[in-house]
PDB file of N, CA and C in Angstrom:
ATOM      1  N   MET A   1     -20.846  -3.017  -1.273  1.00  0.00           N
ATOM      2  CA  MET A   1     -19.948  -4.346  -1.373  1.00  0.00           C
ATOM      3  C   MET A   1     -18.688  -4.156  -0.647  1.00  0.00           C
ATOM      4  N   ILE A   2     -18.307  -5.001  -0.019  1.00  0.00           N
ATOM      5  CA  ILE A   2     -16.861  -4.745   0.740  1.00  0.00           C
ATOM      6  C   ILE A   2     -16.073  -5.960   0.177  1.00  0.00           C
ATOM      7  N   ILE A   3     -14.790  -5.707  -0.255  1.00  0.00           N
ATOM      8  CA  ILE A   3     -13.933  -6.904  -0.830  1.00  0.00           C
ATOM      9  C   ILE A   3     -12.541  -6.539  -0.252  1.00  0.00           C
ATOM     10  N   ARG A   4     -11.710  -7.545  -0.750  1.00  0.00           N
ATOM     11  CA  ARG A   4     -10.174  -7.449  -0.400  1.00  0.00           C
ATOM     12  C   ARG A   4      -9.579  -7.247  -1.822  1.00  0.00           C
ATOM     13  N   ALA A   5      -8.462  -6.834  -1.891  1.00  0.00           N
ATOM     14  CA  ALA A   5      -7.623  -6.573  -2.996  1.00  0.00           C
ATOM     15  C   ALA A   5      -6.330  -6.450  -2.879  1.00  0.00           C
ATOM     16  N   ASP A   6      -5.413  -6.497  -3.805  1.00  0.00           N
ATOM     17  CA  ASP A   6      -4.041  -6.211  -3.623  1.00  0.00           C
ATOM     18  C   ASP A   6      -3.764  -4.696  -4.186  1.00  0.00           C
ATOM     19  N   ILE A   7      -3.261  -3.887  -3.413  1.00  0.00           N
ATOM     20  CA  ILE A   7      -2.976  -2.658  -3.828  1.00  0.00           C
ATOM     21  C   ILE A   7      -1.434  -2.451  -3.629  1.00  0.00           C
ATOM     22  N   ALA A   8      -0.770  -2.108  -4.744  1.00  0.00           N
ATOM     23  CA  ALA A   8       0.852  -2.019  -4.688  1.00  0.00           C
ATOM     24  C   ALA A   8       1.402  -3.192  -4.039  1.00  0.00           C
ATOM     25  N   ASP A   9       0.923  -4.536  -4.453  1.00  0.00           N
ATOM     26  CA  ASP A   9       1.343  -5.699  -3.989  1.00  0.00           C
ATOM     27  C   ASP A   9       1.142  -6.056  -2.494  1.00  0.00           C
ATOM     28  N   PHE A  10       0.318  -5.362  -1.865  1.00  0.00           N
ATOM     29  CA  PHE A  10      -0.127  -5.551  -0.516  1.00  0.00           C
ATOM     30  C   PHE A  10      -1.585  -6.017  -0.438  1.00  0.00           C
ATOM     31  N   ASP A  11      -1.822  -6.965   0.395  1.00  0.00           N
ATOM     32  CA  ASP A  11      -3.204  -7.482   0.630  1.00  0.00           C
ATOM     33  C   ASP A  11      -3.821  -6.362   1.276  1.00  0.00           C
ATOM     34  N   VAL A  12      -4.980  -5.772   0.927  1.00  0.00           N
ATOM     35  CA  VAL A  12      -5.746  -4.861   1.578  1.00  0.00           C
ATOM     36  C   VAL A  12      -7.151  -5.270   1.840  1.00  0.00           C
ATOM     37  N   GLY A  13      -7.609  -5.335   3.023  1.00  0.00           N
ATOM     38  CA  GLY A  13      -9.019  -5.505   3.398  1.00  0.00           C
ATOM     39  C   GLY A  13      -9.861  -4.435   3.565  1.00  0.00           C
ATOM     40  N   ARG A  14     -11.300  -4.590   3.838  1.00  0.00           N
ATOM     41  CA  ARG A  14     -12.191  -3.430   4.063  1.00  0.00           C
ATOM     42  C   ARG A  14     -12.158  -2.397   2.954  1.00  0.00           C
ATOM     43  N   ILE A  15     -12.283  -2.884   1.811  1.00  0.00           N
ATOM     44  CA  ILE A  15     -12.236  -1.897   0.468  1.00  0.00           C
ATOM     45  C   ILE A  15     -13.729  -1.801   0.097  1.00  0.00           C
ATOM     46  N   LEU A  16     -14.311  -0.656   0.232  1.00  0.00           N
ATOM     47  CA  LEU A  16     -15.677  -0.318  -0.186  1.00  0.00           C
ATOM     48  C   LEU A  16     -15.880  -0.114  -1.600  1.00  0.00           C
ATOM     49  N   ILE A  17     -16.683  -0.825  -2.440  1.00  0.00           N
ATOM     50  CA  ILE A  17     -17.123  -0.617  -3.741  1.00  0.00           C
ATOM     51  C   ILE A  17     -18.223   0.403  -3.535  1.00  0.00           C
ATOM     52  N   ASP A  18     -17.961   1.682  -4.171  1.00  0.00           N
ATOM     53  CA  ASP A  18     -19.070   2.582  -4.095  1.00  0.00           C
ATOM     54  C   ASP A  18     -19.474   2.869  -5.592  1.00  0.00           C
ATOM     55  N   THR A  19     -20.547   2.620  -5.943  1.00  0.00           N
ATOM     56  CA  THR A  19     -20.891   2.842  -7.252  1.00  0.00           C
ATOM     57  C   THR A  19     -21.387   4.379  -7.605  1.00  0.00           C
ATOM     58  N   GLY A  20     -21.428   5.111  -6.501  1.00  0.00           N
ATOM     59  CA  GLY A  20     -21.791   6.542  -6.695  1.00  0.00           C
ATOM     60  C   GLY A  20     -20.427   7.261  -6.584  1.00  0.00           C
ATOM     61  N   SER A  21     -19.408   6.775  -6.394  1.00  0.00           N
ATOM     62  CA  SER A  21     -18.057   7.463  -6.173  1.00  0.00           C
ATOM     63  C   SER A  21     -17.551   7.857  -7.502  1.00  0.00           C
ATOM     64  N   SER A  22     -16.831   8.896  -7.742  1.00  0.00           N
ATOM     65  CA  SER A  22     -16.278   9.395  -8.811  1.00  0.00           C
ATOM     66  C   SER A  22     -14.841   9.324  -8.922  1.00  0.00           C
ATOM     67  N   VAL A  23     -14.302   8.834  -7.819  1.00  0.00           N
ATOM     68  CA  VAL A  23     -12.869   8.744  -7.539  1.00  0.00           C
ATOM     69  C   VAL A  23     -12.415   7.521  -6.627  1.00  0.00           C
ATOM     70  N   ASN A  24     -11.153   7.025  -6.713  1.00  0.00           N
ATOM     71  CA  ASN A  24     -10.675   5.930  -5.804  1.00  0.00           C
ATOM     72  C   ASN A  24     -10.090   6.666  -4.773  1.00  0.00           C
ATOM     73  N   VAL A  25     -10.361   6.250  -3.635  1.00  0.00           N
ATOM     74  CA  VAL A  25      -9.855   6.859  -2.331  1.00  0.00           C
ATOM     75  C   VAL A  25      -9.010   5.791  -1.571  1.00  0.00           C
ATOM     76  N   LEU A  26      -7.797   6.243  -1.268  1.00  0.00           N
ATOM     77  CA  LEU A  26      -6.974   5.327  -0.351  1.00  0.00           C
ATOM     78  C   LEU A  26      -6.786   6.311   0.970  1.00  0.00           C
ATOM     79  N   PHE A  27      -7.082   5.736   2.155  1.00  0.00           N
ATOM     80  CA  PHE A  27      -6.909   6.547   3.334  1.00  0.00           C
ATOM     81  C   PHE A  27      -5.380   6.584   3.787  1.00  0.00           C
ATOM     82  N   ALA A  28      -5.066   7.464   4.541  1.00  0.00           N
ATOM     83  CA  ALA A  28      -3.734   7.871   4.877  1.00  0.00           C
ATOM     84  C   ALA A  28      -3.181   6.747   5.693  1.00  0.00           C
ATOM     85  N   ASP A  29      -3.792   6.108   6.728  1.00  0.00           N
ATOM     86  CA  ASP A  29      -3.343   5.028   7.518  1.00  0.00           C
ATOM     87  C   ASP A  29      -2.826   3.802   6.628  1.00  0.00           C
ATOM     88  N   PRO A  30      -3.804   3.315   5.720  1.00  0.00           N
ATOM     89  CA  PRO A  30      -3.267   2.162   4.878  1.00  0.00           C
ATOM     90  C   PRO A  30      -2.129   2.634   4.014  1.00  0.00           C
ATOM     91  N   PHE A  31      -2.222   3.875   3.414  1.00  0.00           N
ATOM     92  CA  PHE A  31      -1.225   4.416   2.534  1.00  0.00           C
ATOM     93  C   PHE A  31       0.009   4.295   3.028  1.00  0.00           C
ATOM     94  N   ASN A  32       0.114   4.858   4.457  1.00  0.00           N
ATOM     95  CA  ASN A  32       1.431   4.784   5.124  1.00  0.00           C
ATOM     96  C   ASN A  32       1.959   3.420   5.321  1.00  0.00           C
ATOM     97  N   GLY A  33       0.999   2.448   5.481  1.00  0.00           N
ATOM     98  CA  GLY A  33       1.439   1.049   5.621  1.00  0.00           C
ATOM     99  C   GLY A  33       2.022   0.356   4.511  1.00  0.00           C
ATOM    100  N   LEU A  34       1.726   0.860   3.351  1.00  0.00           N
ATOM    101  CA  LEU A  34       2.284   0.486   2.051  1.00  0.00           C
ATOM    102  C   LEU A  34       3.903   0.671   1.945  1.00  0.00           C
ATOM    103  N   GLY A  35       4.199   1.899   2.850  1.00  0.00           N
ATOM    104  CA  GLY A  35       5.689   2.062   2.775  1.00  0.00           C
ATOM    105  C   GLY A  35       6.165   2.953   1.502  1.00  0.00           C
ATOM    106  N   ILE A  36       5.128   3.519   0.903  1.00  0.00           N
ATOM    107  CA  ILE A  36       5.303   4.335  -0.225  1.00  0.00           C
ATOM    108  C   ILE A  36       5.853   5.769   0.326  1.00  0.00           C
ATOM    109  N   ASP A  37       6.925   6.395  -0.411  1.00  0.00           N
ATOM    110  CA  ASP A  37       7.498   7.681  -0.038  1.00  0.00           C
ATOM    111  C   ASP A  37       6.315   8.736  -0.296  1.00  0.00           C
ATOM    112  N   HIS A  38       6.198   9.806   0.515  1.00  0.00           N
ATOM    113  CA  HIS A  38       5.281  10.731   0.334  1.00  0.00           C
ATOM    114  C   HIS A  38       5.643  11.665  -0.737  1.00  0.00           C
ATOM    115  N   GLN A  39       6.985  11.685  -1.184  1.00  0.00           N
ATOM    116  CA  GLN A  39       7.421  12.409  -2.422  1.00  0.00           C
ATOM    117  C   GLN A  39       6.888  11.837  -3.543  1.00  0.00           C
ATOM    118  N   SER A  40       6.384  10.609  -3.620  1.00  0.00           N
ATOM    119  CA  SER A  40       5.760  10.056  -4.683  1.00  0.00           C
ATOM    120  C   SER A  40       4.270  10.826  -5.175  1.00  0.00           C
ATOM    121  N   LEU A  41       3.712  11.305  -4.074  1.00  0.00           N
ATOM    122  CA  LEU A  41       2.508  11.836  -4.420  1.00  0.00           C
ATOM    123  C   LEU A  41       2.408  13.218  -5.260  1.00  0.00           C
ATOM    124  N   ASN A  42       1.318  13.203  -6.038  1.00  0.00           N
ATOM    125  CA  ASN A  42       1.208  14.415  -6.893  1.00  0.00           C
ATOM    126  C   ASN A  42       0.396  15.363  -5.901  1.00  0.00           C
ATOM    127  N   LYS A  43       0.838  16.556  -5.624  1.00  0.00           N
ATOM    128  CA  LYS A  43       0.046  17.447  -4.636  1.00  0.00           C
ATOM    129  C   LYS A  43      -0.737  18.498  -5.358  1.00  0.00           C
ATOM    130  N   GLU A  44      -0.693  18.475  -6.716  1.00  0.00           N
ATOM    131  CA  GLU A  44      -1.479  19.398  -7.561  1.00  0.00           C
ATOM    132  C   GLU A  44      -2.862  18.743  -7.619  1.00  0.00           C
ATOM    133  N   ILE A  45      -3.885  18.848  -6.709  1.00  0.00           N
ATOM    134  CA  ILE A  45      -5.167  18.309  -6.684  1.00  0.00           C
ATOM    135  C   ILE A  45      -6.148  19.154  -6.140  1.00  0.00           C
ATOM    136  N   THR A  46      -7.417  18.938  -6.298  1.00  0.00           N
ATOM    137  CA  THR A  46      -8.444  19.862  -5.871  1.00  0.00           C
ATOM    138  C   THR A  46      -9.167  19.262  -4.691  1.00  0.00           C
ATOM    139  N   PRO A  47      -9.890  19.902  -3.881  1.00  0.00           N
ATOM    140  CA  PRO A  47     -10.477  19.249  -2.639  1.00  0.00           C
ATOM    141  C   PRO A  47     -11.548  18.368  -3.011  1.00  0.00           C
ATOM    142  N   LEU A  48     -11.978  17.575  -2.125  1.00  0.00           N
ATOM    143  CA  LEU A  48     -12.877  16.498  -2.417  1.00  0.00           C
ATOM    144  C   LEU A  48     -14.096  16.680  -1.376  1.00  0.00           C
ATOM    145  N   LEU A  49     -15.323  16.451  -1.838  1.00  0.00           N
ATOM    146  CA  LEU A  49     -16.529  16.410  -1.064  1.00  0.00           C
ATOM    147  C   LEU A  49     -16.660  15.105  -0.505  1.00  0.00           C
ATOM    148  N   SER A  50     -16.875  15.175   0.934  1.00  0.00           N
ATOM    149  CA  SER A  50     -16.895  13.851   1.630  1.00  0.00           C
ATOM    150  C   SER A  50     -18.355  13.436   1.610  1.00  0.00           C
ATOM    151  N   PHE A  51     -18.583  12.277   2.322  1.00  0.00           N
ATOM    152  CA  PHE A  51     -19.946  11.733   2.450  1.00  0.00           C
ATOM    153  C   PHE A  51     -20.746  12.441   3.338  1.00  0.00           C
ATOM    154  N   SER A  52     -20.137  13.180   4.242  1.00  0.00           N
ATOM    155  CA  SER A  52     -20.889  14.012   5.178  1.00  0.00           C
ATOM    156  C   SER A  52     -21.172  15.332   4.585  1.00  0.00           C
ATOM    157  N   GLY A  53     -20.739  15.664   3.438  1.00  0.00           N
ATOM    158  CA  GLY A  53     -20.821  17.014   2.830  1.00  0.00           C
ATOM    159  C   GLY A  53     -19.762  17.953   3.167  1.00  0.00           C
ATOM    160  N   ASP A  54     -18.754  17.481   3.976  1.00  0.00           N
ATOM    161  CA  ASP A  54     -17.712  18.424   4.396  1.00  0.00           C
ATOM    162  C   ASP A  54     -16.657  18.401   3.044  1.00  0.00           C
ATOM    163  N   VAL A  55     -15.743  19.483   3.084  1.00  0.00           N
ATOM    164  CA  VAL A  55     -14.839  19.459   1.993  1.00  0.00           C
ATOM    165  C   VAL A  55     -13.661  19.013   2.644  1.00  0.00           C
ATOM    166  N   VAL A  56     -12.874  17.957   1.940  1.00  0.00           N
ATOM    167  CA  VAL A  56     -11.850  17.437   2.655  1.00  0.00           C
ATOM    168  C   VAL A  56     -10.538  17.669   1.427  1.00  0.00           C
ATOM    169  N   GLU A  57      -9.453  18.171   2.034  1.00  0.00           N
ATOM    170  CA  GLU A  57      -8.209  18.434   1.285  1.00  0.00           C
ATOM    171  C   GLU A  57      -7.486  17.053   1.182  1.00  0.00           C
ATOM    172  N   PRO A  58      -7.296  16.516  -0.029  1.00  0.00           N
ATOM    173  CA  PRO A  58      -6.439  15.350  -0.100  1.00  0.00           C
ATOM    174  C   PRO A  58      -5.022  15.439   0.238  1.00  0.00           C
ATOM    175  N   ILE A  59      -4.236  14.658   0.590  1.00  0.00           N
ATOM    176  CA  ILE A  59      -2.879  14.704   0.897  1.00  0.00           C
ATOM    177  C   ILE A  59      -2.277  14.664  -0.528  1.00  0.00           C
ATOM    178  N   GLY A  60      -2.618  14.071  -1.403  1.00  0.00           N
ATOM    179  CA  GLY A  60      -2.079  13.909  -2.923  1.00  0.00           C
ATOM    180  C   GLY A  60      -2.856  12.830  -3.575  1.00  0.00           C
ATOM    181  N   SER A  61      -2.311  12.599  -4.886  1.00  0.00           N
ATOM    182  CA  SER A  61      -2.903  11.489  -5.693  1.00  0.00           C
ATOM    183  C   SER A  61      -1.728  10.664  -6.041  1.00  0.00           C
ATOM    184  N   ILE A  62      -1.947   9.426  -6.453  1.00  0.00           N
ATOM    185  CA  ILE A  62      -0.946   8.613  -6.874  1.00  0.00           C
ATOM    186  C   ILE A  62      -1.476   7.320  -7.770  1.00  0.00           C
ATOM    187  N   GLN A  63      -0.661   6.869  -8.740  1.00  0.00           N
ATOM    188  CA  GLN A  63      -1.281   5.714  -9.479  1.00  0.00           C
ATOM    189  C   GLN A  63      -0.628   4.534  -8.917  1.00  0.00           C
ATOM    190  N   LEU A  64      -1.389   3.614  -8.586  1.00  0.00           N
ATOM    191  CA  LEU A  64      -0.887   2.303  -7.950  1.00  0.00           C
ATOM    192  C   LEU A  64      -1.501   1.082  -8.735  1.00  0.00           C
ATOM    193  N   PRO A  65      -0.815   0.026  -8.746  1.00  0.00           N
ATOM    194  CA  PRO A  65      -1.516  -1.200  -9.295  1.00  0.00           C
ATOM    195  C   PRO A  65      -2.465  -1.661  -8.331  1.00  0.00           C
ATOM    196  N   LEU A  66      -3.750  -2.189  -8.925  1.00  0.00           N
ATOM    197  CA  LEU A  66      -4.756  -2.702  -8.176  1.00  0.00           C
ATOM    198  C   LEU A  66      -5.061  -4.176  -8.862  1.00  0.00           C
ATOM    199  N   ALA A  67      -5.107  -5.256  -7.987  1.00  0.00           N
ATOM    200  CA  ALA A  67      -5.382  -6.608  -8.364  1.00  0.00           C
ATOM    201  C   ALA A  67      -6.600  -7.011  -7.477  1.00  0.00           C
ATOM    202  N   VAL A  68      -7.449  -7.599  -8.435  1.00  0.00           N
ATOM    203  CA  VAL A  68      -8.780  -8.289  -7.621  1.00  0.00           C
ATOM    204  C   VAL A  68      -8.954  -9.607  -8.228  1.00  0.00           C
ATOM    205  N   GLY A  69      -9.324 -10.469  -7.405  1.00  0.00           N
ATOM    206  CA  GLY A  69      -9.719 -12.047  -7.743  1.00  0.00           C
ATOM    207  C   GLY A  69      -8.474 -12.822  -7.503  1.00  0.00           C
ATOM    208  N   SER A  70      -8.686 -14.040  -7.787  1.00  0.00           N
ATOM    209  CA  SER A  70      -7.550 -15.077  -7.800  1.00  0.00           C
ATOM    210  C   SER A  70      -7.508 -15.941  -8.970  1.00  0.00           C
ATOM    211  N   GLY A  71      -6.482 -16.655  -9.104  1.00  0.00           N
ATOM    212  CA  GLY A  71      -6.195 -17.584 -10.158  1.00  0.00           C
ATOM    213  C   GLY A  71      -6.442 -16.941 -11.605  1.00  0.00           C
ATOM    214  N   SER A  72      -7.215 -17.792 -12.432  1.00  0.00           N
ATOM    215  CA  SER A  72      -7.628 -17.323 -13.807  1.00  0.00           C
ATOM    216  C   SER A  72      -8.605 -16.207 -13.822  1.00  0.00           C
ATOM    217  N   ARG A  73      -9.097 -15.793 -12.821  1.00  0.00           N
ATOM    218  CA  ARG A  73     -10.121 -14.749 -12.613  1.00  0.00           C
ATOM    219  C   ARG A  73      -9.576 -13.473 -11.952  1.00  0.00           C
ATOM    220  N   ARG A  74      -8.394 -13.328 -11.934  1.00  0.00           N
ATOM    221  CA  ARG A  74      -7.577 -12.210 -11.388  1.00  0.00           C
ATOM    222  C   ARG A  74      -7.476 -11.078 -12.462  1.00  0.00           C
ATOM    223  N   ALA A  75      -7.830  -9.883 -12.149  1.00  0.00           N
ATOM    224  CA  ALA A  75      -7.787  -8.643 -12.985  1.00  0.00           C
ATOM    225  C   ALA A  75      -6.628  -7.827 -12.285  1.00  0.00           C
ATOM    226  N   PHE A  76      -5.905  -7.200 -13.342  1.00  0.00           N
ATOM    227  CA  PHE A  76      -4.868  -6.079 -12.711  1.00  0.00           C
ATOM    228  C   PHE A  76      -4.938  -4.989 -13.655  1.00  0.00           C
ATOM    229  N   ILE A  77      -5.015  -3.815 -12.894  1.00  0.00           N
ATOM    230  CA  ILE A  77      -4.891  -2.253 -13.517  1.00  0.00           C
ATOM    231  C   ILE A  77      -4.055  -1.451 -12.780  1.00  0.00           C
ATOM    232  N   TYR A  78      -3.552  -0.496 -13.530  1.00  0.00           N
ATOM    233  CA  TYR A  78      -3.068   0.644 -12.718  1.00  0.00           C
ATOM    234  C   TYR A  78      -4.321   1.754 -12.596  1.00  0.00           C
ATOM    235  N   THR A  79      -4.416   2.277 -11.285  1.00  0.00           N
ATOM    236  CA  THR A  79      -5.558   3.180 -11.316  1.00  0.00           C
ATOM    237  C   THR A  79      -5.022   4.386 -10.153  1.00  0.00           C
ATOM    238  N   HIS A  80      -5.736   5.387 -10.575  1.00  0.00           N
ATOM    239  CA  HIS A  80      -5.430   6.612  -9.670  1.00  0.00           C
ATOM    240  C   HIS A  80      -6.195   6.525  -8.323  1.00  0.00           C
ATOM    241  N   PHE A  81      -5.476   6.966  -7.332  1.00  0.00           N
ATOM    242  CA  PHE A  81      -6.177   7.130  -5.908  1.00  0.00           C
ATOM    243  C   PHE A  81      -5.749   8.361  -5.424  1.00  0.00           C
ATOM    244  N   LEU A  82      -6.878   9.076  -4.748  1.00  0.00           N
ATOM    245  CA  LEU A  82      -6.674  10.185  -3.967  1.00  0.00           C
ATOM    246  C   LEU A  82      -6.358   9.668  -2.585  1.00  0.00           C
ATOM    247  N   VAL A  83      -5.305  10.274  -1.814  1.00  0.00           N
ATOM    248  CA  VAL A  83      -4.777   9.917  -0.616  1.00  0.00           C
ATOM    249  C   VAL A  83      -5.416  11.020   0.309  1.00  0.00           C
ATOM    250  N   VAL A  84      -6.345  10.306   1.283  1.00  0.00           N
ATOM    251  CA  VAL A  84      -6.971  11.252   2.191  1.00  0.00           C
ATOM    252  C   VAL A  84      -6.797  10.967   3.634  1.00  0.00           C
ATOM    253  N   ASN A  85      -6.651  11.950   4.494  1.00  0.00           N
ATOM    254  CA  ASN A  85      -6.371  11.687   5.840  1.00  0.00           C
ATOM    255  C   ASN A  85      -7.715  11.918   6.658  1.00  0.00           C
ATOM    256  N   CYS A  86      -8.499  10.958   6.798  1.00  0.00           N
ATOM    257  CA  CYS A  86      -9.685  11.200   7.627  1.00  0.00           C
ATOM    258  C   CYS A  86     -10.168   9.800   8.195  1.00  0.00           C
ATOM    259  N   SER A  87     -10.893   9.811   9.318  1.00  0.00           N
ATOM    260  CA  SER A  87     -11.304   8.585   9.933  1.00  0.00           C
ATOM    261  C   SER A  87     -12.452   7.937   9.377  1.00  0.00           C
ATOM    262  N   THR A  88     -12.414   6.546   9.084  1.00  0.00           N
ATOM    263  CA  THR A  88     -13.338   5.921   8.479  1.00  0.00           C
ATOM    264  C   THR A  88     -13.000   4.330   8.746  1.00  0.00           C
ATOM    265  N   ALA A  89     -14.060   3.406   8.569  1.00  0.00           N
ATOM    266  CA  ALA A  89     -13.931   2.159   8.800  1.00  0.00           C
ATOM    267  C   ALA A  89     -13.374   1.343   7.770  1.00  0.00           C
ATOM    268  N   TYR A  90     -13.229   2.040   6.632  1.00  0.00           N
ATOM    269  CA  TYR A  90     -12.576   1.478   5.383  1.00  0.00           C
ATOM    270  C   TYR A  90     -11.079   1.784   5.177  1.00  0.00           C
ATOM    271  N   ASN A  91     -10.483   0.998   4.542  1.00  0.00           N
ATOM    272  CA  ASN A  91      -8.994   1.227   4.067  1.00  0.00           C
ATOM    273  C   ASN A  91      -8.952   2.056   2.686  1.00  0.00           C
ATOM    274  N   ALA A  92      -9.934   1.739   1.883  1.00  0.00           N
ATOM    275  CA  ALA A  92     -10.017   2.389   0.649  1.00  0.00           C
ATOM    276  C   ALA A  92     -11.484   2.352   0.040  1.00  0.00           C
ATOM    277  N   ILE A  93     -11.668   3.314  -0.908  1.00  0.00           N
ATOM    278  CA  ILE A  93     -12.863   3.095  -1.611  1.00  0.00           C
ATOM    279  C   ILE A  93     -12.756   3.125  -3.128  1.00  0.00           C
ATOM    280  N   ILE A  94     -13.336   2.124  -3.746  1.00  0.00           N
ATOM    281  CA  ILE A  94     -13.078   1.983  -5.213  1.00  0.00           C
ATOM    282  C   ILE A  94     -14.180   2.243  -5.894  1.00  0.00           C
ATOM    283  N   ASP A  95     -14.197   3.026  -7.078  1.00  0.00           N
ATOM    284  CA  ASP A  95     -15.483   3.352  -7.807  1.00  0.00           C
ATOM    285  C   ASP A  95     -15.663   2.121  -8.817  1.00  0.00           C
ATOM    286  N   ARG A  96     -16.883   1.784  -9.116  1.00  0.00           N
ATOM    287  CA  ARG A  96     -17.127   0.483  -9.911  1.00  0.00           C
ATOM    288  C   ARG A  96     -16.291   0.575 -11.147  1.00  0.00           C
ATOM    289  N   PRO A  97     -16.209   1.598 -11.905  1.00  0.00           N
ATOM    290  CA  PRO A  97     -15.452   1.674 -13.207  1.00  0.00           C
ATOM    291  C   PRO A  97     -14.054   1.032 -12.957  1.00  0.00           C
ATOM    292  N   ALA A  98     -13.475   1.302 -11.925  1.00  0.00           N
ATOM    293  CA  ALA A  98     -12.062   0.680 -11.747  1.00  0.00           C
ATOM    294  C   ALA A  98     -12.205  -0.865 -11.733  1.00  0.00           C
ATOM    295  N   LEU A  99     -13.111  -1.390 -11.541  1.00  0.00           N
ATOM    296  CA  LEU A  99     -13.528  -2.847 -11.384  1.00  0.00           C
ATOM    297  C   LEU A  99     -13.792  -3.516 -12.745  1.00  0.00           C
ATOM    298  N   THR A 100     -14.256  -2.629 -13.634  1.00  0.00           N
ATOM    299  CA  THR A 100     -14.642  -3.294 -14.855  1.00  0.00           C
ATOM    300  C   THR A 100     -13.730  -3.359 -16.090  1.00  0.00           C
TER     301      THR A 100
END
């Protein structure tokens, strides 16, 4: 499923909900568009196994506000994202537990 959500008060489209993912991923281009300083990233992280089976070294991790829905059906949480620099059709990948 592909949705739109607010991440750090920015409307972000093309977010993939991946029920098999164990982490929330925010890709580098959309992260840079949020205007958040790279100094805010936690650099103490382990590599990530990509969809293709390649090992990807994340740029860092960060906790950001995530809001989904509208009106009285709007949900808001703070969630951790791994920031990854690789090509994809999506801006972010959210694991299903983040939406519950």
